[in-house]
Amino acid sequence: MSDSVRGIDEAEINGEVYYRNSILLLSLIDNVDIITYSIDDSPGQNDGIVNTFTFTREQADKQFGEDVRHYAIDETSLRQLIDRLDSLSYSETSKSP
């Protein structure tokens, strides 16, 4: 990651985009329980800081109050999940451990 990378904004750095993508992946991939992202800053810029975000199936299920895998049964259910993710604010998603 560097200042020249386009499309990186504050929401992405604080984990919001990764959280939403993780829920989507956890709904689609039955045998995944943990997703971890590591974003390395370029050496020499910001001292090579590594931002790491880890999300679990347990977090996703707790956030939605149900097993998120059922959203992958058909296109309509998947659209419902995406719409639900779009309606969440990051402060709501960050309440989960």
PDB file of N, CA and C in Angstrom:
ATOM      1  N   MET A   1       0.852  -1.169   0.000  1.00  0.00           N
ATOM      2  CA  MET A   1       0.000   0.000   0.000  1.00  0.00           C
ATOM      3  C   MET A   1       0.896   1.229   0.000  1.00  0.00           C
ATOM      4  N   SER A   2       0.520   2.210  -0.769  1.00  0.00           N
ATOM      5  CA  SER A   2       1.254   3.467  -0.756  1.00  0.00           C
ATOM      6  C   SER A   2       0.277   4.587  -1.077  1.00  0.00           C
ATOM      7  N   ASP A   3       0.766   5.800  -0.957  1.00  0.00           N
ATOM      8  CA  ASP A   3      -0.088   6.955  -1.251  1.00  0.00           C
ATOM      9  C   ASP A   3      -0.568   6.953  -2.694  1.00  0.00           C
ATOM     10  N   SER A   4       0.148   6.263  -3.558  1.00  0.00           N
ATOM     11  CA  SER A   4      -0.226   6.267  -4.964  1.00  0.00           C
ATOM     12  C   SER A   4      -1.324   5.246  -5.298  1.00  0.00           C
ATOM     13  N   VAL A   5      -1.671   4.400  -4.331  1.00  0.00           N
ATOM     14  CA  VAL A   5      -2.722   3.403  -4.573  1.00  0.00           C
ATOM     15  C   VAL A   5      -4.071   4.102  -4.619  1.00  0.00           C
ATOM     16  N   ARG A   6      -4.766   3.913  -5.708  1.00  0.00           N
ATOM     17  CA  ARG A   6      -6.072   4.545  -5.864  1.00  0.00           C
ATOM     18  C   ARG A   6      -7.143   3.657  -5.249  1.00  0.00           C
ATOM     19  N   GLY A   7      -8.214   4.269  -4.756  1.00  0.00           N
ATOM     20  CA  GLY A   7      -9.337   3.519  -4.233  1.00  0.00           C
ATOM     21  C   GLY A   7      -9.226   3.158  -2.758  1.00  0.00           C
ATOM     22  N   ILE A   8      -8.134   3.505  -2.116  1.00  0.00           N
ATOM     23  CA  ILE A   8      -8.007   3.244  -0.684  1.00  0.00           C
ATOM     24  C   ILE A   8      -8.466   4.488   0.047  1.00  0.00           C
ATOM     25  N   ASP A   9      -9.485   4.321   0.875  1.00  0.00           N
ATOM     26  CA  ASP A   9      -9.949   5.463   1.656  1.00  0.00           C
ATOM     27  C   ASP A   9     -10.032   5.078   3.120  1.00  0.00           C
ATOM     28  N   GLU A  10     -10.450   6.008   3.953  1.00  0.00           N
ATOM     29  CA  GLU A  10     -10.464   5.786   5.393  1.00  0.00           C
ATOM     30  C   GLU A  10     -11.320   4.585   5.787  1.00  0.00           C
ATOM     31  N   ALA A  11     -12.461   4.372   5.141  1.00  0.00           N
ATOM     32  CA  ALA A  11     -13.329   3.237   5.479  1.00  0.00           C
ATOM     33  C   ALA A  11     -12.620   1.919   5.238  1.00  0.00           C
ATOM     34  N   GLU A  12     -11.840   1.843   4.172  1.00  0.00           N
ATOM     35  CA  GLU A  12     -11.118   0.608   3.884  1.00  0.00           C
ATOM     36  C   GLU A  12     -10.020   0.370   4.903  1.00  0.00           C
ATOM     37  N   ILE A  13      -9.327   1.418   5.300  1.00  0.00           N
ATOM     38  CA  ILE A  13      -8.245   1.265   6.256  1.00  0.00           C
ATOM     39  C   ILE A  13      -8.789   0.853   7.620  1.00  0.00           C
ATOM     40  N   ASN A  14      -9.967   1.340   8.011  1.00  0.00           N
ATOM     41  CA  ASN A  14     -10.484   0.963   9.325  1.00  0.00           C
ATOM     42  C   ASN A  14     -11.166  -0.399   9.332  1.00  0.00           C
ATOM     43  N   GLY A  15     -11.243  -1.076   8.215  1.00  0.00           N
ATOM     44  CA  GLY A  15     -11.727  -2.430   8.186  1.00  0.00           C
ATOM     45  C   GLY A  15     -13.136  -2.635   7.695  1.00  0.00           C
ATOM     46  N   GLU A  16     -13.877  -1.571   7.450  1.00  0.00           N
ATOM     47  CA  GLU A  16     -15.278  -1.707   7.056  1.00  0.00           C
ATOM     48  C   GLU A  16     -15.449  -2.535   5.787  1.00  0.00           C
ATOM     49  N   VAL A  17     -14.714  -2.219   4.763  1.00  0.00           N
ATOM     50  CA  VAL A  17     -14.842  -2.946   3.502  1.00  0.00           C
ATOM     51  C   VAL A  17     -14.447  -4.402   3.696  1.00  0.00           C
ATOM     52  N   TYR A  18     -13.392  -4.634   4.478  1.00  0.00           N
ATOM     53  CA  TYR A  18     -12.950  -5.998   4.711  1.00  0.00           C
ATOM     54  C   TYR A  18     -13.991  -6.785   5.497  1.00  0.00           C
ATOM     55  N   TYR A  19     -14.628  -6.150   6.450  1.00  0.00           N
ATOM     56  CA  TYR A  19     -15.667  -6.817   7.234  1.00  0.00           C
ATOM     57  C   TYR A  19     -16.832  -7.228   6.331  1.00  0.00           C
ATOM     58  N   ARG A  20     -17.297  -6.310   5.520  1.00  0.00           N
ATOM     59  CA  ARG A  20     -18.417  -6.616   4.617  1.00  0.00           C
ATOM     60  C   ARG A  20     -18.054  -7.721   3.630  1.00  0.00           C
ATOM     61  N   ASN A  21     -16.865  -7.653   3.050  1.00  0.00           N
ATOM     62  CA  ASN A  21     -16.423  -8.692   2.125  1.00  0.00           C
ATOM     63  C   ASN A  21     -16.273 -10.034   2.833  1.00  0.00           C
ATOM     64  N   SER A  22     -15.830 -10.003   4.072  1.00  0.00           N
ATOM     65  CA  SER A  22     -15.676 -11.243   4.832  1.00  0.00           C
ATOM     66  C   SER A  22     -17.021 -11.917   5.062  1.00  0.00           C
ATOM     67  N   ILE A  23     -18.027 -11.146   5.409  1.00  0.00           N
ATOM     68  CA  ILE A  23     -19.357 -11.727   5.613  1.00  0.00           C
ATOM     69  C   ILE A  23     -19.835 -12.370   4.325  1.00  0.00           C
ATOM     70  N   LEU A  24     -19.632 -11.694   3.222  1.00  0.00           N
ATOM     71  CA  LEU A  24     -20.026 -12.252   1.928  1.00  0.00           C
ATOM     72  C   LEU A  24     -19.273 -13.557   1.651  1.00  0.00           C
ATOM     73  N   LEU A  25     -17.975 -13.559   1.866  1.00  0.00           N
ATOM     74  CA  LEU A  25     -17.182 -14.773   1.649  1.00  0.00           C
ATOM     75  C   LEU A  25     -17.598 -15.892   2.596  1.00  0.00           C
ATOM     76  N   LEU A  26     -17.842 -15.547   3.868  1.00  0.00           N
ATOM     77  CA  LEU A  26     -18.254 -16.564   4.838  1.00  0.00           C
ATOM     78  C   LEU A  26     -19.612 -17.161   4.493  1.00  0.00           C
ATOM     79  N   SER A  27     -20.448 -16.394   3.827  1.00  0.00           N
ATOM     80  CA  SER A  27     -21.743 -16.938   3.409  1.00  0.00           C
ATOM     81  C   SER A  27     -21.586 -17.870   2.212  1.00  0.00           C
ATOM     82  N   LEU A  28     -20.625 -17.588   1.348  1.00  0.00           N
ATOM     83  CA  LEU A  28     -20.454 -18.354   0.109  1.00  0.00           C
ATOM     84  C   LEU A  28     -19.566 -19.588   0.248  1.00  0.00           C
ATOM     85  N   ILE A  29     -18.625 -19.553   1.177  1.00  0.00           N
ATOM     86  CA  ILE A  29     -17.666 -20.650   1.313  1.00  0.00           C
ATOM     87  C   ILE A  29     -17.955 -21.396   2.616  1.00  0.00           C
ATOM     88  N   ASP A  30     -18.518 -22.570   2.473  1.00  0.00           N
ATOM     89  CA  ASP A  30     -19.026 -23.332   3.607  1.00  0.00           C
ATOM     90  C   ASP A  30     -17.952 -23.719   4.616  1.00  0.00           C
ATOM     91  N   ASN A  31     -16.750 -24.032   4.174  1.00  0.00           N
ATOM     92  CA  ASN A  31     -15.735 -24.555   5.093  1.00  0.00           C
ATOM     93  C   ASN A  31     -14.686 -23.521   5.513  1.00  0.00           C
ATOM     94  N   VAL A  32     -15.051 -22.246   5.520  1.00  0.00           N
ATOM     95  CA  VAL A  32     -14.160 -21.188   5.993  1.00  0.00           C
ATOM     96  C   VAL A  32     -14.729 -20.625   7.292  1.00  0.00           C
ATOM     97  N   ASP A  33     -13.880 -20.561   8.319  1.00  0.00           N
ATOM     98  CA  ASP A  33     -14.318 -20.031   9.605  1.00  0.00           C
ATOM     99  C   ASP A  33     -13.599 -18.747  10.000  1.00  0.00           C
ATOM    100  N   ILE A  34     -12.439 -18.485   9.385  1.00  0.00           N
ATOM    101  CA  ILE A  34     -11.645 -17.291   9.712  1.00  0.00           C
ATOM    102  C   ILE A  34     -11.085 -16.707   8.425  1.00  0.00           C
ATOM    103  N   ILE A  35     -11.186 -15.385   8.309  1.00  0.00           N
ATOM    104  CA  ILE A  35     -10.581 -14.668   7.183  1.00  0.00           C
ATOM    105  C   ILE A  35      -9.702 -13.576   7.773  1.00  0.00           C
ATOM    106  N   THR A  36      -8.448 -13.535   7.320  1.00  0.00           N
ATOM    107  CA  THR A  36      -7.510 -12.523   7.792  1.00  0.00           C
ATOM    108  C   THR A  36      -6.940 -11.772   6.595  1.00  0.00           C
ATOM    109  N   TYR A  37      -6.939 -10.463   6.695  1.00  0.00           N
ATOM    110  CA  TYR A  37      -6.341  -9.591   5.691  1.00  0.00           C
ATOM    111  C   TYR A  37      -5.119  -8.944   6.316  1.00  0.00           C
ATOM    112  N   SER A  38      -4.026  -8.894   5.585  1.00  0.00           N
ATOM    113  CA  SER A  38      -2.829  -8.166   6.015  1.00  0.00           C
ATOM    114  C   SER A  38      -2.468  -7.210   4.897  1.00  0.00           C
ATOM    115  N   ILE A  39      -2.464  -5.933   5.208  1.00  0.00           N
ATOM    116  CA  ILE A  39      -2.138  -4.908   4.228  1.00  0.00           C
ATOM    117  C   ILE A  39      -0.824  -4.276   4.660  1.00  0.00           C
ATOM    118  N   ASP A  40       0.211  -4.535   3.868  1.00  0.00           N
ATOM    119  CA  ASP A  40       1.537  -4.019   4.173  1.00  0.00           C
ATOM    120  C   ASP A  40       1.727  -2.668   3.513  1.00  0.00           C
ATOM    121  N   ASP A  41       2.178  -1.715   4.310  1.00  0.00           N
ATOM    122  CA  ASP A  41       2.533  -0.422   3.758  1.00  0.00           C
ATOM    123  C   ASP A  41       3.906  -0.553   3.123  1.00  0.00           C
ATOM    124  N   SER A  42       4.149   0.220   2.099  1.00  0.00           N
ATOM    125  CA  SER A  42       5.451   0.177   1.428  1.00  0.00           C
ATOM    126  C   SER A  42       6.558   0.535   2.402  1.00  0.00           C
ATOM    127  N   PRO A  43       7.660  -0.215   2.357  1.00  0.00           N
ATOM    128  CA  PRO A  43       8.806   0.154   3.199  1.00  0.00           C
ATOM    129  C   PRO A  43       9.241   1.582   2.887  1.00  0.00           C
ATOM    130  N   GLY A  44       9.541   2.317   3.928  1.00  0.00           N
ATOM    131  CA  GLY A  44       9.952   3.708   3.743  1.00  0.00           C
ATOM    132  C   GLY A  44       8.785   4.676   3.799  1.00  0.00           C
ATOM    133  N   GLN A  45       7.586   4.160   3.699  1.00  0.00           N
ATOM    134  CA  GLN A  45       6.404   5.013   3.845  1.00  0.00           C
ATOM    135  C   GLN A  45       5.655   4.530   5.075  1.00  0.00           C
ATOM    136  N   ASN A  46       5.411   5.399   6.005  1.00  0.00           N
ATOM    137  CA  ASN A  46       4.725   5.053   7.250  1.00  0.00           C
ATOM    138  C   ASN A  46       5.426   3.908   7.987  1.00  0.00           C
ATOM    139  N   ASP A  47       6.737   3.821   7.840  1.00  0.00           N
ATOM    140  CA  ASP A  47       7.560   2.841   8.554  1.00  0.00           C
ATOM    141  C   ASP A  47       7.140   1.393   8.318  1.00  0.00           C
ATOM    142  N   GLY A  48       6.608   1.067   7.154  1.00  0.00           N
ATOM    143  CA  GLY A  48       6.249  -0.311   6.839  1.00  0.00           C
ATOM    144  C   GLY A  48       5.146  -0.889   7.707  1.00  0.00           C
ATOM    145  N   ILE A  49       4.214  -0.073   8.106  1.00  0.00           N
ATOM    146  CA  ILE A  49       3.107  -0.504   8.965  1.00  0.00           C
ATOM    147  C   ILE A  49       2.298  -1.597   8.276  1.00  0.00           C
ATOM    148  N   VAL A  50       1.891  -2.598   9.051  1.00  0.00           N
ATOM    149  CA  VAL A  50       1.029  -3.665   8.556  1.00  0.00           C
ATOM    150  C   VAL A  50      -0.322  -3.537   9.260  1.00  0.00           C
ATOM    151  N   ASN A  51      -1.371  -3.369   8.469  1.00  0.00           N
ATOM    152  CA  ASN A  51      -2.730  -3.354   9.011  1.00  0.00           C
ATOM    153  C   ASN A  51      -3.297  -4.753   8.830  1.00  0.00           C
ATOM    154  N   THR A  52      -3.754  -5.365   9.929  1.00  0.00           N
ATOM    155  CA  THR A  52      -4.305  -6.714   9.871  1.00  0.00           C
ATOM    156  C   THR A  52      -5.730  -6.689  10.388  1.00  0.00           C
ATOM    157  N   PHE A  53      -6.621  -7.340   9.654  1.00  0.00           N
ATOM    158  CA  PHE A  53      -8.020  -7.448  10.029  1.00  0.00           C
ATOM    159  C   PHE A  53      -8.390  -8.927   9.989  1.00  0.00           C
ATOM    160  N   THR A  54      -8.950  -9.448  11.072  1.00  0.00           N
ATOM    161  CA  THR A  54      -9.387 -10.833  11.130  1.00  0.00           C
ATOM    162  C   THR A  54     -10.866 -10.867  11.473  1.00  0.00           C
ATOM    163  N   PHE A  55     -11.598 -11.680  10.743  1.00  0.00           N
ATOM    164  CA  PHE A  55     -13.036 -11.818  10.955  1.00  0.00           C
ATOM    165  C   PHE A  55     -13.383 -13.296  10.998  1.00  0.00           C
ATOM    166  N   THR A  56     -14.334 -13.655  11.842  1.00  0.00           N
ATOM    167  CA  THR A  56     -14.700 -15.057  12.004  1.00  0.00           C
ATOM    168  C   THR A  56     -16.161 -15.297  11.619  1.00  0.00           C
ATOM    169  N   ARG A  57     -16.439 -16.551  11.338  1.00  0.00           N
ATOM    170  CA  ARG A  57     -17.828 -16.931  11.066  1.00  0.00           C
ATOM    171  C   ARG A  57     -18.698 -16.623  12.286  1.00  0.00           C
ATOM    172  N   GLU A  58     -18.156 -16.859  13.465  1.00  0.00           N
ATOM    173  CA  GLU A  58     -18.899 -16.582  14.694  1.00  0.00           C
ATOM    174  C   GLU A  58     -19.312 -15.104  14.763  1.00  0.00           C
ATOM    175  N   GLN A  59     -18.409 -14.197  14.408  1.00  0.00           N
ATOM    176  CA  GLN A  59     -18.736 -12.764  14.391  1.00  0.00           C
ATOM    177  C   GLN A  59     -19.863 -12.476  13.407  1.00  0.00           C
ATOM    178  N   ALA A  60     -19.738 -13.038  12.214  1.00  0.00           N
ATOM    179  CA  ALA A  60     -20.739 -12.787  11.173  1.00  0.00           C
ATOM    180  C   ALA A  60     -22.102 -13.318  11.599  1.00  0.00           C
ATOM    181  N   ASP A  61     -22.120 -14.538  12.131  1.00  0.00           N
ATOM    182  CA  ASP A  61     -23.383 -15.135  12.563  1.00  0.00           C
ATOM    183  C   ASP A  61     -23.995 -14.338  13.713  1.00  0.00           C
ATOM    184  N   LYS A  62     -23.157 -13.875  14.618  1.00  0.00           N
ATOM    185  CA  LYS A  62     -23.643 -13.066  15.748  1.00  0.00           C
ATOM    186  C   LYS A  62     -24.212 -11.734  15.249  1.00  0.00           C
ATOM    187  N   GLN A  63     -23.511 -11.104  14.317  1.00  0.00           N
ATOM    188  CA  GLN A  63     -23.966  -9.826  13.764  1.00  0.00           C
ATOM    189  C   GLN A  63     -25.345  -9.957  13.121  1.00  0.00           C
ATOM    190  N   PHE A  64     -25.570 -11.061  12.419  1.00  0.00           N
ATOM    191  CA  PHE A  64     -26.824 -11.250  11.689  1.00  0.00           C
ATOM    192  C   PHE A  64     -27.851 -12.065  12.466  1.00  0.00           C
ATOM    193  N   GLY A  65     -27.447 -12.611  13.607  1.00  0.00           N
ATOM    194  CA  GLY A  65     -28.370 -13.386  14.422  1.00  0.00           C
ATOM    195  C   GLY A  65     -28.752 -14.718  13.813  1.00  0.00           C
ATOM    196  N   GLU A  66     -27.949 -15.180  12.865  1.00  0.00           N
ATOM    197  CA  GLU A  66     -28.217 -16.451  12.193  1.00  0.00           C
ATOM    198  C   GLU A  66     -26.986 -16.862  11.397  1.00  0.00           C
ATOM    199  N   ASP A  67     -26.983 -18.100  10.950  1.00  0.00           N
ATOM    200  CA  ASP A  67     -25.899 -18.610  10.125  1.00  0.00           C
ATOM    201  C   ASP A  67     -25.955 -17.912   8.763  1.00  0.00           C
ATOM    202  N   VAL A  68     -24.894 -17.201   8.406  1.00  0.00           N
ATOM    203  CA  VAL A  68     -24.897 -16.437   7.152  1.00  0.00           C
ATOM    204  C   VAL A  68     -24.823 -17.322   5.919  1.00  0.00           C
ATOM    205  N   ARG A  69     -24.486 -18.596   6.091  1.00  0.00           N
ATOM    206  CA  ARG A  69     -24.380 -19.502   4.945  1.00  0.00           C
ATOM    207  C   ARG A  69     -25.712 -19.703   4.230  1.00  0.00           C
ATOM    208  N   HIS A  70     -26.815 -19.524   4.936  1.00  0.00           N
ATOM    209  CA  HIS A  70     -28.106 -19.743   4.264  1.00  0.00           C
ATOM    210  C   HIS A  70     -28.381 -18.691   3.187  1.00  0.00           C
ATOM    211  N   TYR A  71     -27.651 -17.579   3.224  1.00  0.00           N
ATOM    212  CA  TYR A  71     -27.832 -16.552   2.194  1.00  0.00           C
ATOM    213  C   TYR A  71     -27.295 -16.996   0.833  1.00  0.00           C
ATOM    214  N   ALA A  72     -26.498 -18.044   0.814  1.00  0.00           N
ATOM    215  CA  ALA A  72     -25.902 -18.506  -0.443  1.00  0.00           C
ATOM    216  C   ALA A  72     -26.763 -19.544  -1.165  1.00  0.00           C
ATOM    217  N   ILE A  73     -27.973 -19.779  -0.696  1.00  0.00           N
ATOM    218  CA  ILE A  73     -28.790 -20.832  -1.315  1.00  0.00           C
ATOM    219  C   ILE A  73     -29.308 -20.463  -2.696  1.00  0.00           C
ATOM    220  N   ASP A  74     -29.510 -19.169  -2.922  1.00  0.00           N
ATOM    221  CA  ASP A  74     -29.968 -18.740  -4.245  1.00  0.00           C
ATOM    222  C   ASP A  74     -29.646 -17.263  -4.450  1.00  0.00           C
ATOM    223  N   GLU A  75     -29.873 -16.802  -5.661  1.00  0.00           N
ATOM    224  CA  GLU A  75     -29.528 -15.421  -6.019  1.00  0.00           C
ATOM    225  C   GLU A  75     -30.328 -14.399  -5.207  1.00  0.00           C
ATOM    226  N   THR A  76     -31.593 -14.691  -4.959  1.00  0.00           N
ATOM    227  CA  THR A  76     -32.446 -13.766  -4.204  1.00  0.00           C
ATOM    228  C   THR A  76     -31.931 -13.599  -2.777  1.00  0.00           C
ATOM    229  N   SER A  77     -31.577 -14.699  -2.146  1.00  0.00           N
ATOM    230  CA  SER A  77     -31.055 -14.638  -0.784  1.00  0.00           C
ATOM    231  C   SER A  77     -29.721 -13.898  -0.731  1.00  0.00           C
ATOM    232  N   LEU A  78     -28.875 -14.129  -1.720  1.00  0.00           N
ATOM    233  CA  LEU A  78     -27.593 -13.434  -1.779  1.00  0.00           C
ATOM    234  C   LEU A  78     -27.804 -11.933  -1.958  1.00  0.00           C
ATOM    235  N   ARG A  79     -28.750 -11.548  -2.759  1.00  0.00           N
ATOM    236  CA  ARG A  79     -29.080 -10.126  -2.942  1.00  0.00           C
ATOM    237  C   ARG A  79     -29.568  -9.536  -1.621  1.00  0.00           C
ATOM    238  N   GLN A  80     -30.335 -10.295  -0.846  1.00  0.00           N
ATOM    239  CA  GLN A  80     -30.799  -9.825   0.458  1.00  0.00           C
ATOM    240  C   GLN A  80     -29.614  -9.552   1.384  1.00  0.00           C
ATOM    241  N   LEU A  81     -28.638 -10.460   1.361  1.00  0.00           N
ATOM    242  CA  LEU A  81     -27.443 -10.267   2.180  1.00  0.00           C
ATOM    243  C   LEU A  81     -26.697  -9.011   1.754  1.00  0.00           C
ATOM    244  N   ILE A  82     -26.496  -8.839   0.465  1.00  0.00           N
ATOM    245  CA  ILE A  82     -25.777  -7.661  -0.035  1.00  0.00           C
ATOM    246  C   ILE A  82     -26.518  -6.385   0.344  1.00  0.00           C
ATOM    247  N   ASP A  83     -27.840  -6.379   0.203  1.00  0.00           N
ATOM    248  CA  ASP A  83     -28.630  -5.208   0.594  1.00  0.00           C
ATOM    249  C   ASP A  83     -28.506  -4.944   2.092  1.00  0.00           C
ATOM    250  N   ARG A  84     -28.506  -6.002   2.864  1.00  0.00           N
ATOM    251  CA  ARG A  84     -28.372  -5.852   4.312  1.00  0.00           C
ATOM    252  C   ARG A  84     -26.990  -5.300   4.673  1.00  0.00           C
ATOM    253  N   LEU A  85     -25.958  -5.799   4.008  1.00  0.00           N
ATOM    254  CA  LEU A  85     -24.607  -5.289   4.237  1.00  0.00           C
ATOM    255  C   LEU A  85     -24.500  -3.817   3.857  1.00  0.00           C
ATOM    256  N   ASP A  86     -25.144  -3.435   2.758  1.00  0.00           N
ATOM    257  CA  ASP A  86     -25.120  -2.037   2.318  1.00  0.00           C
ATOM    258  C   ASP A  86     -25.809  -1.115   3.313  1.00  0.00           C
ATOM    259  N   SER A  87     -26.764  -1.645   4.072  1.00  0.00           N
ATOM    260  CA  SER A  87     -27.519  -0.804   5.009  1.00  0.00           C
ATOM    261  C   SER A  87     -26.840  -0.677   6.371  1.00  0.00           C
ATOM    262  N   LEU A  88     -25.816  -1.493   6.626  1.00  0.00           N
ATOM    263  CA  LEU A  88     -25.109  -1.429   7.908  1.00  0.00           C
ATOM    264  C   LEU A  88     -24.136  -0.267   7.940  1.00  0.00           C
ATOM    265  N   SER A  89     -24.031   0.364   9.091  1.00  0.00           N
ATOM    266  CA  SER A  89     -22.970   1.335   9.270  1.00  0.00           C
ATOM    267  C   SER A  89     -21.813   0.609   9.935  1.00  0.00           C
ATOM    268  N   TYR A  90     -20.610   1.126   9.783  1.00  0.00           N
ATOM    269  CA  TYR A  90     -19.459   0.446  10.356  1.00  0.00           C
ATOM    270  C   TYR A  90     -19.562   0.381  11.870  1.00  0.00           C
ATOM    271  N   SER A  91     -20.157   1.381  12.502  1.00  0.00           N
ATOM    272  CA  SER A  91     -20.282   1.349  13.953  1.00  0.00           C
ATOM    273  C   SER A  91     -21.134   0.165  14.401  1.00  0.00           C
ATOM    274  N   GLU A  92     -22.118  -0.249  13.565  1.00  0.00           N
ATOM    275  CA  GLU A  92     -22.914  -1.418  13.893  1.00  0.00           C
ATOM    276  C   GLU A  92     -22.088  -2.683  13.760  1.00  0.00           C
ATOM    277  N   THR A  93     -21.278  -2.780  12.716  1.00  0.00           N
ATOM    278  CA  THR A  93     -20.494  -3.985  12.482  1.00  0.00           C
ATOM    279  C   THR A  93     -19.364  -4.108  13.493  1.00  0.00           C
ATOM    280  N   SER A  94     -18.858  -2.998  13.972  1.00  0.00           N
ATOM    281  CA  SER A  94     -17.718  -3.070  14.888  1.00  0.00           C
ATOM    282  C   SER A  94     -18.144  -3.423  16.309  1.00  0.00           C
ATOM    283  N   LYS A  95     -19.431  -3.536  16.580  1.00  0.00           N
ATOM    284  CA  LYS A  95     -19.891  -3.944  17.892  1.00  0.00           C
ATOM    285  C   LYS A  95     -19.648  -5.406  18.158  1.00  0.00           C
ATOM    286  N   SER A  96     -19.495  -6.200  17.076  1.00  0.00           N
ATOM    287  CA  SER A  96     -19.218  -7.615  17.257  1.00  0.00           C
ATOM    288  C   SER A  96     -17.768  -7.799  17.648  1.00  0.00           C
ATOM    289  N   PRO A  97     -17.491  -8.789  18.504  1.00  0.00           N
ATOM    290  CA  PRO A  97     -16.098  -8.995  18.919  1.00  0.00           C
ATOM    291  C   PRO A  97     -15.242  -9.492  17.790  1.00  0.00           C
TER     292      PRO A  97
END
